[in-house]
Amino acid sequence: MEETRAMNADDIDEIHANISKTMAETMKIGAETAKIQAESRYYPVVAFGAIIVSAVGAATAIIVKLFFYADS
């Protein structure tokens, strides 16, 4: 059977340091998660905007070709 020993001040300080480190890491992960979730709301808007700009560009190219280069 293992021998038990009393905890001294150094042991308690080490435990407090580990708890503080774990809490800081947890807060950091929470902040990163919130940032990713906020960014993910805007990605569909950006993708839709890119599709619209591409469609307008393609339509403009077709119109220019039909009206200005129809004689060729």
PDB file of N, CA and C in Angstrom:
ATOM      1  N   MET A   1       0.834  -1.169   0.000  1.00  0.00           N
ATOM      2  CA  MET A   1       0.000   0.000   0.000  1.00  0.00           C
ATOM      3  C   MET A   1       0.882   1.237   0.000  1.00  0.00           C
ATOM      4  N   GLU A   2       0.397   2.272  -0.702  1.00  0.00           N
ATOM      5  CA  GLU A   2       1.210   3.477  -0.794  1.00  0.00           C
ATOM      6  C   GLU A   2       1.180   4.270   0.494  1.00  0.00           C
ATOM      7  N   GLU A   3       2.269   4.891   0.707  1.00  0.00           N
ATOM      8  CA  GLU A   3       2.388   5.723   1.887  1.00  0.00           C
ATOM      9  C   GLU A   3       1.814   7.104   1.588  1.00  0.00           C
ATOM     10  N   THR A   4       0.998   7.621   2.443  1.00  0.00           N
ATOM     11  CA  THR A   4       0.448   8.959   2.241  1.00  0.00           C
ATOM     12  C   THR A   4       1.355   9.975   2.907  1.00  0.00           C
ATOM     13  N   ARG A   5       1.394  11.153   2.320  1.00  0.00           N
ATOM     14  CA  ARG A   5       2.211  12.204   2.911  1.00  0.00           C
ATOM     15  C   ARG A   5       1.405  13.491   2.928  1.00  0.00           C
ATOM     16  N   ALA A   6       1.747  14.323   3.808  1.00  0.00           N
ATOM     17  CA  ALA A   6       1.047  15.603   3.933  1.00  0.00           C
ATOM     18  C   ALA A   6       1.483  16.521   2.801  1.00  0.00           C
ATOM     19  N   MET A   7       0.530  17.320   2.332  1.00  0.00           N
ATOM     20  CA  MET A   7       0.847  18.267   1.264  1.00  0.00           C
ATOM     21  C   MET A   7       1.471  19.506   1.882  1.00  0.00           C
ATOM     22  N   ASN A   8       2.558  19.936   1.290  1.00  0.00           N
ATOM     23  CA  ASN A   8       3.186  21.153   1.795  1.00  0.00           C
ATOM     24  C   ASN A   8       2.792  22.336   0.902  1.00  0.00           C
ATOM     25  N   ALA A   9       3.282  23.482   1.189  1.00  0.00           N
ATOM     26  CA  ALA A   9       2.912  24.704   0.472  1.00  0.00           C
ATOM     27  C   ALA A   9       3.329  24.646  -0.994  1.00  0.00           C
ATOM     28  N   ASP A  10       4.461  24.015  -1.278  1.00  0.00           N
ATOM     29  CA  ASP A  10       4.918  23.908  -2.672  1.00  0.00           C
ATOM     30  C   ASP A  10       3.960  23.061  -3.503  1.00  0.00           C
ATOM     31  N   ASP A  11       3.480  21.972  -2.915  1.00  0.00           N
ATOM     32  CA  ASP A  11       2.521  21.123  -3.619  1.00  0.00           C
ATOM     33  C   ASP A  11       1.229  21.884  -3.912  1.00  0.00           C
ATOM     34  N   ILE A  12       0.774  22.625  -2.930  1.00  0.00           N
ATOM     35  CA  ILE A  12      -0.467  23.392  -3.105  1.00  0.00           C
ATOM     36  C   ILE A  12      -0.271  24.474  -4.164  1.00  0.00           C
ATOM     37  N   ASP A  13       0.882  25.129  -4.155  1.00  0.00           N
ATOM     38  CA  ASP A  13       1.165  26.157  -5.166  1.00  0.00           C
ATOM     39  C   ASP A  13       1.206  25.553  -6.571  1.00  0.00           C
ATOM     40  N   GLU A  14       1.772  24.368  -6.682  1.00  0.00           N
ATOM     41  CA  GLU A  14       1.835  23.694  -7.985  1.00  0.00           C
ATOM     42  C   GLU A  14       0.434  23.343  -8.471  1.00  0.00           C
ATOM     43  N   ILE A  15      -0.405  22.870  -7.585  1.00  0.00           N
ATOM     44  CA  ILE A  15      -1.788  22.544  -7.956  1.00  0.00           C
ATOM     45  C   ILE A  15      -2.527  23.798  -8.398  1.00  0.00           C
ATOM     46  N   HIS A  16      -2.356  24.901  -7.677  1.00  0.00           N
ATOM     47  CA  HIS A  16      -3.004  26.165  -8.048  1.00  0.00           C
ATOM     48  C   HIS A  16      -2.495  26.645  -9.412  1.00  0.00           C
ATOM     49  N   ALA A  17      -1.203  26.483  -9.666  1.00  0.00           N
ATOM     50  CA  ALA A  17      -0.634  26.888 -10.951  1.00  0.00           C
ATOM     51  C   ALA A  17      -1.231  26.054 -12.088  1.00  0.00           C
ATOM     52  N   ASN A  18      -1.364  24.750 -11.857  1.00  0.00           N
ATOM     53  CA  ASN A  18      -1.954  23.882 -12.882  1.00  0.00           C
ATOM     54  C   ASN A  18      -3.410  24.237 -13.135  1.00  0.00           C
ATOM     55  N   ILE A  19      -4.136  24.555 -12.089  1.00  0.00           N
ATOM     56  CA  ILE A  19      -5.543  24.944 -12.242  1.00  0.00           C
ATOM     57  C   ILE A  19      -5.638  26.239 -13.034  1.00  0.00           C
ATOM     58  N   SER A  20      -4.803  27.209 -12.721  1.00  0.00           N
ATOM     59  CA  SER A  20      -4.806  28.484 -13.434  1.00  0.00           C
ATOM     60  C   SER A  20      -4.453  28.294 -14.901  1.00  0.00           C
ATOM     61  N   LYS A  21      -3.471  27.445 -15.168  1.00  0.00           N
ATOM     62  CA  LYS A  21      -3.065  27.171 -16.551  1.00  0.00           C
ATOM     63  C   LYS A  21      -4.213  26.522 -17.316  1.00  0.00           C
ATOM     64  N   THR A  22      -4.885  25.563 -16.707  1.00  0.00           N
ATOM     65  CA  THR A  22      -6.008  24.882 -17.357  1.00  0.00           C
ATOM     66  C   THR A  22      -7.156  25.851 -17.614  1.00  0.00           C
ATOM     67  N   MET A  23      -7.424  26.733 -16.678  1.00  0.00           N
ATOM     68  CA  MET A  23      -8.490  27.714 -16.873  1.00  0.00           C
ATOM     69  C   MET A  23      -8.147  28.671 -18.014  1.00  0.00           C
ATOM     70  N   ALA A  24      -6.894  29.095 -18.101  1.00  0.00           N
ATOM     71  CA  ALA A  24      -6.471  29.998 -19.174  1.00  0.00           C
ATOM     72  C   ALA A  24      -6.583  29.314 -20.532  1.00  0.00           C
ATOM     73  N   GLU A  25      -6.185  28.057 -20.615  1.00  0.00           N
ATOM     74  CA  GLU A  25      -6.288  27.311 -21.870  1.00  0.00           C
ATOM     75  C   GLU A  25      -7.750  27.136 -22.275  1.00  0.00           C
ATOM     76  N   THR A  26      -8.614  26.878 -21.297  1.00  0.00           N
ATOM     77  CA  THR A  26     -10.041  26.722 -21.572  1.00  0.00           C
ATOM     78  C   THR A  26     -10.641  28.024 -22.100  1.00  0.00           C
ATOM     79  N   MET A  27     -10.259  29.138 -21.493  1.00  0.00           N
ATOM     80  CA  MET A  27     -10.756  30.436 -21.957  1.00  0.00           C
ATOM     81  C   MET A  27     -10.264  30.740 -23.371  1.00  0.00           C
ATOM     82  N   LYS A  28      -9.018  30.384 -23.666  1.00  0.00           N
ATOM     83  CA  LYS A  28      -8.462  30.605 -24.998  1.00  0.00           C
ATOM     84  C   LYS A  28      -9.225  29.781 -26.033  1.00  0.00           C
ATOM     85  N   ILE A  29      -9.489  28.531 -25.733  1.00  0.00           N
ATOM     86  CA  ILE A  29     -10.237  27.671 -26.651  1.00  0.00           C
ATOM     87  C   ILE A  29     -11.648  28.209 -26.855  1.00  0.00           C
ATOM     88  N   GLY A  30     -12.265  28.687 -25.789  1.00  0.00           N
ATOM     89  CA  GLY A  30     -13.600  29.272 -25.906  1.00  0.00           C
ATOM     90  C   GLY A  30     -13.607  30.502 -26.802  1.00  0.00           C
ATOM     91  N   ALA A  31     -12.598  31.350 -26.671  1.00  0.00           N
ATOM     92  CA  ALA A  31     -12.505  32.546 -27.516  1.00  0.00           C
ATOM     93  C   ALA A  31     -12.277  32.173 -28.972  1.00  0.00           C
ATOM     94  N   GLU A  32     -11.415  31.194 -29.219  1.00  0.00           N
ATOM     95  CA  GLU A  32     -11.166  30.749 -30.588  1.00  0.00           C
ATOM     96  C   GLU A  32     -12.427  30.154 -31.208  1.00  0.00           C
ATOM     97  N   THR A  33     -13.180  29.404 -30.429  1.00  0.00           N
ATOM     98  CA  THR A  33     -14.428  28.807 -30.913  1.00  0.00           C
ATOM     99  C   THR A  33     -15.433  29.891 -31.271  1.00  0.00           C
ATOM    100  N   ALA A  34     -15.554  30.906 -30.427  1.00  0.00           N
ATOM    101  CA  ALA A  34     -16.481  32.011 -30.709  1.00  0.00           C
ATOM    102  C   ALA A  34     -16.078  32.743 -31.984  1.00  0.00           C
ATOM    103  N   LYS A  35     -14.784  32.937 -32.186  1.00  0.00           N
ATOM    104  CA  LYS A  35     -14.299  33.606 -33.398  1.00  0.00           C
ATOM    105  C   LYS A  35     -14.636  32.788 -34.636  1.00  0.00           C
ATOM    106  N   ILE A  36     -14.397  31.491 -34.590  1.00  0.00           N
ATOM    107  CA  ILE A  36     -14.686  30.626 -35.733  1.00  0.00           C
ATOM    108  C   ILE A  36     -16.177  30.609 -36.031  1.00  0.00           C
ATOM    109  N   GLN A  37     -17.002  30.564 -34.999  1.00  0.00           N
ATOM    110  CA  GLN A  37     -18.450  30.565 -35.210  1.00  0.00           C
ATOM    111  C   GLN A  37     -18.914  31.883 -35.814  1.00  0.00           C
ATOM    112  N   ALA A  38     -18.339  32.994 -35.382  1.00  0.00           N
ATOM    113  CA  ALA A  38     -18.714  34.295 -35.945  1.00  0.00           C
ATOM    114  C   ALA A  38     -18.294  34.393 -37.409  1.00  0.00           C
ATOM    115  N   GLU A  39     -17.103  33.890 -37.721  1.00  0.00           N
ATOM    116  CA  GLU A  39     -16.635  33.930 -39.104  1.00  0.00           C
ATOM    117  C   GLU A  39     -17.468  33.021 -40.000  1.00  0.00           C
ATOM    118  N   SER A  40     -17.900  31.898 -39.485  1.00  0.00           N
ATOM    119  CA  SER A  40     -18.635  30.946 -40.317  1.00  0.00           C
ATOM    120  C   SER A  40     -19.986  31.490 -40.748  1.00  0.00           C
ATOM    121  N   ARG A  41     -20.515  32.478 -40.035  1.00  0.00           N
ATOM    122  CA  ARG A  41     -21.780  33.095 -40.445  1.00  0.00           C
ATOM    123  C   ARG A  41     -21.611  33.917 -41.710  1.00  0.00           C
ATOM    124  N   TYR A  42     -20.411  34.458 -41.959  1.00  0.00           N
ATOM    125  CA  TYR A  42     -20.199  35.346 -43.092  1.00  0.00           C
ATOM    126  C   TYR A  42     -19.696  34.626 -44.343  1.00  0.00           C
ATOM    127  N   TYR A  43     -19.201  33.426 -44.229  1.00  0.00           N
ATOM    128  CA  TYR A  43     -18.677  32.722 -45.392  1.00  0.00           C
ATOM    129  C   TYR A  43     -19.730  32.501 -46.475  1.00  0.00           C
ATOM    130  N   PRO A  44     -20.957  32.098 -46.166  1.00  0.00           N
ATOM    131  CA  PRO A  44     -21.955  31.953 -47.230  1.00  0.00           C
ATOM    132  C   PRO A  44     -22.257  33.273 -47.940  1.00  0.00           C
ATOM    133  N   VAL A  45     -22.227  34.376 -47.216  1.00  0.00           N
ATOM    134  CA  VAL A  45     -22.472  35.682 -47.824  1.00  0.00           C
ATOM    135  C   VAL A  45     -21.359  36.016 -48.814  1.00  0.00           C
ATOM    136  N   VAL A  46     -20.132  35.756 -48.430  1.00  0.00           N
ATOM    137  CA  VAL A  46     -18.993  36.028 -49.305  1.00  0.00           C
ATOM    138  C   VAL A  46     -19.052  35.132 -50.541  1.00  0.00           C
ATOM    139  N   ALA A  47     -19.372  33.869 -50.361  1.00  0.00           N
ATOM    140  CA  ALA A  47     -19.466  32.951 -51.502  1.00  0.00           C
ATOM    141  C   ALA A  47     -20.593  33.374 -52.446  1.00  0.00           C
ATOM    142  N   PHE A  48     -21.737  33.745 -51.896  1.00  0.00           N
ATOM    143  CA  PHE A  48     -22.861  34.194 -52.717  1.00  0.00           C
ATOM    144  C   PHE A  48     -22.493  35.470 -53.465  1.00  0.00           C
ATOM    145  N   GLY A  49     -21.789  36.370 -52.814  1.00  0.00           N
ATOM    146  CA  GLY A  49     -21.343  37.600 -53.470  1.00  0.00           C
ATOM    147  C   GLY A  49     -20.403  37.309 -54.625  1.00  0.00           C
ATOM    148  N   ALA A  50     -19.503  36.364 -54.439  1.00  0.00           N
ATOM    149  CA  ALA A  50     -18.579  35.992 -55.516  1.00  0.00           C
ATOM    150  C   ALA A  50     -19.340  35.397 -56.698  1.00  0.00           C
ATOM    151  N   ILE A  51     -20.348  34.603 -56.425  1.00  0.00           N
ATOM    152  CA  ILE A  51     -21.158  34.022 -57.504  1.00  0.00           C
ATOM    153  C   ILE A  51     -21.899  35.116 -58.263  1.00  0.00           C
ATOM    154  N   ILE A  52     -22.466  36.071 -57.541  1.00  0.00           N
ATOM    155  CA  ILE A  52     -23.194  37.177 -58.178  1.00  0.00           C
ATOM    156  C   ILE A  52     -22.249  38.007 -59.045  1.00  0.00           C
ATOM    157  N   VAL A  53     -21.078  38.334 -58.534  1.00  0.00           N
ATOM    158  CA  VAL A  53     -20.113  39.120 -59.310  1.00  0.00           C
ATOM    159  C   VAL A  53     -19.690  38.357 -60.554  1.00  0.00           C
ATOM    160  N   SER A  54     -19.481  37.071 -60.437  1.00  0.00           N
ATOM    161  CA  SER A  54     -19.106  36.257 -61.598  1.00  0.00           C
ATOM    162  C   SER A  54     -20.227  36.236 -62.628  1.00  0.00           C
ATOM    163  N   ALA A  55     -21.459  36.089 -62.167  1.00  0.00           N
ATOM    164  CA  ALA A  55     -22.593  36.064 -63.082  1.00  0.00           C
ATOM    165  C   ALA A  55     -22.758  37.406 -63.797  1.00  0.00           C
ATOM    166  N   VAL A  56     -22.603  38.504 -63.081  1.00  0.00           N
ATOM    167  CA  VAL A  56     -22.703  39.830 -63.703  1.00  0.00           C
ATOM    168  C   VAL A  56     -21.579  40.021 -64.714  1.00  0.00           C
ATOM    169  N   GLY A  57     -20.393  39.582 -64.377  1.00  0.00           N
ATOM    170  CA  GLY A  57     -19.267  39.675 -65.316  1.00  0.00           C
ATOM    171  C   GLY A  57     -19.508  38.861 -66.577  1.00  0.00           C
ATOM    172  N   ALA A  58     -20.017  37.641 -66.408  1.00  0.00           N
ATOM    173  CA  ALA A  58     -20.299  36.791 -67.572  1.00  0.00           C
ATOM    174  C   ALA A  58     -21.409  37.405 -68.427  1.00  0.00           C
ATOM    175  N   ALA A  59     -22.460  37.916 -67.784  1.00  0.00           N
ATOM    176  CA  ALA A  59     -23.562  38.538 -68.535  1.00  0.00           C
ATOM    177  C   ALA A  59     -23.068  39.768 -69.279  1.00  0.00           C
ATOM    178  N   THR A  60     -22.226  40.561 -68.669  1.00  0.00           N
ATOM    179  CA  THR A  60     -21.669  41.744 -69.326  1.00  0.00           C
ATOM    180  C   THR A  60     -20.823  41.342 -70.521  1.00  0.00           C
ATOM    181  N   ALA A  61     -20.022  40.316 -70.381  1.00  0.00           N
ATOM    182  CA  ALA A  61     -19.194  39.852 -71.499  1.00  0.00           C
ATOM    183  C   ALA A  61     -20.055  39.376 -72.654  1.00  0.00           C
ATOM    184  N   ILE A  62     -21.135  38.673 -72.357  1.00  0.00           N
ATOM    185  CA  ILE A  62     -22.029  38.187 -73.421  1.00  0.00           C
ATOM    186  C   ILE A  62     -22.722  39.357 -74.105  1.00  0.00           C
ATOM    187  N   ILE A  63     -23.197  40.315 -73.321  1.00  0.00           N
ATOM    188  CA  ILE A  63     -23.884  41.479 -73.903  1.00  0.00           C
ATOM    189  C   ILE A  63     -22.926  42.276 -74.775  1.00  0.00           C
ATOM    190  N   VAL A  64     -21.714  42.501 -74.301  1.00  0.00           N
ATOM    191  CA  VAL A  64     -20.729  43.245 -75.101  1.00  0.00           C
ATOM    192  C   VAL A  64     -20.424  42.498 -76.382  1.00  0.00           C
ATOM    193  N   LYS A  65     -20.288  41.205 -76.311  1.00  0.00           N
ATOM    194  CA  LYS A  65     -19.976  40.414 -77.506  1.00  0.00           C
ATOM    195  C   LYS A  65     -21.145  40.461 -78.489  1.00  0.00           C
ATOM    196  N   LEU A  66     -22.379  40.350 -78.000  1.00  0.00           N
ATOM    197  CA  LEU A  66     -23.535  40.347 -78.881  1.00  0.00           C
ATOM    198  C   LEU A  66     -23.759  41.697 -79.559  1.00  0.00           C
ATOM    199  N   PHE A  67     -23.629  42.783 -78.818  1.00  0.00           N
ATOM    200  CA  PHE A  67     -23.952  44.102 -79.360  1.00  0.00           C
ATOM    201  C   PHE A  67     -22.804  44.772 -80.107  1.00  0.00           C
ATOM    202  N   PHE A  68     -21.604  44.578 -79.659  1.00  0.00           N
ATOM    203  CA  PHE A  68     -20.486  45.302 -80.257  1.00  0.00           C
ATOM    204  C   PHE A  68     -19.689  44.481 -81.255  1.00  0.00           C
ATOM    205  N   TYR A  69     -19.776  43.176 -81.191  1.00  0.00           N
ATOM    206  CA  TYR A  69     -19.010  42.345 -82.108  1.00  0.00           C
ATOM    207  C   TYR A  69     -19.929  41.426 -82.898  1.00  0.00           C
ATOM    208  N   ALA A  70     -21.182  41.829 -83.103  1.00  0.00           N
ATOM    209  CA  ALA A  70     -22.140  41.001 -83.828  1.00  0.00           C
ATOM    210  C   ALA A  70     -21.837  40.979 -85.318  1.00  0.00           C
ATOM    211  N   ASP A  71     -21.168  42.016 -85.848  1.00  0.00           N
ATOM    212  CA  ASP A  71     -20.866  42.088 -87.285  1.00  0.00           C
ATOM    213  C   ASP A  71     -19.729  41.165 -87.687  1.00  0.00           C
ATOM    214  N   SER A  72     -18.912  40.729 -86.789  1.00  0.00           N
ATOM    215  CA  SER A  72     -17.742  39.941 -87.132  1.00  0.00           C
ATOM    216  C   SER A  72     -18.109  38.561 -87.579  1.00  0.00           C
TER     217      SER A  72
END
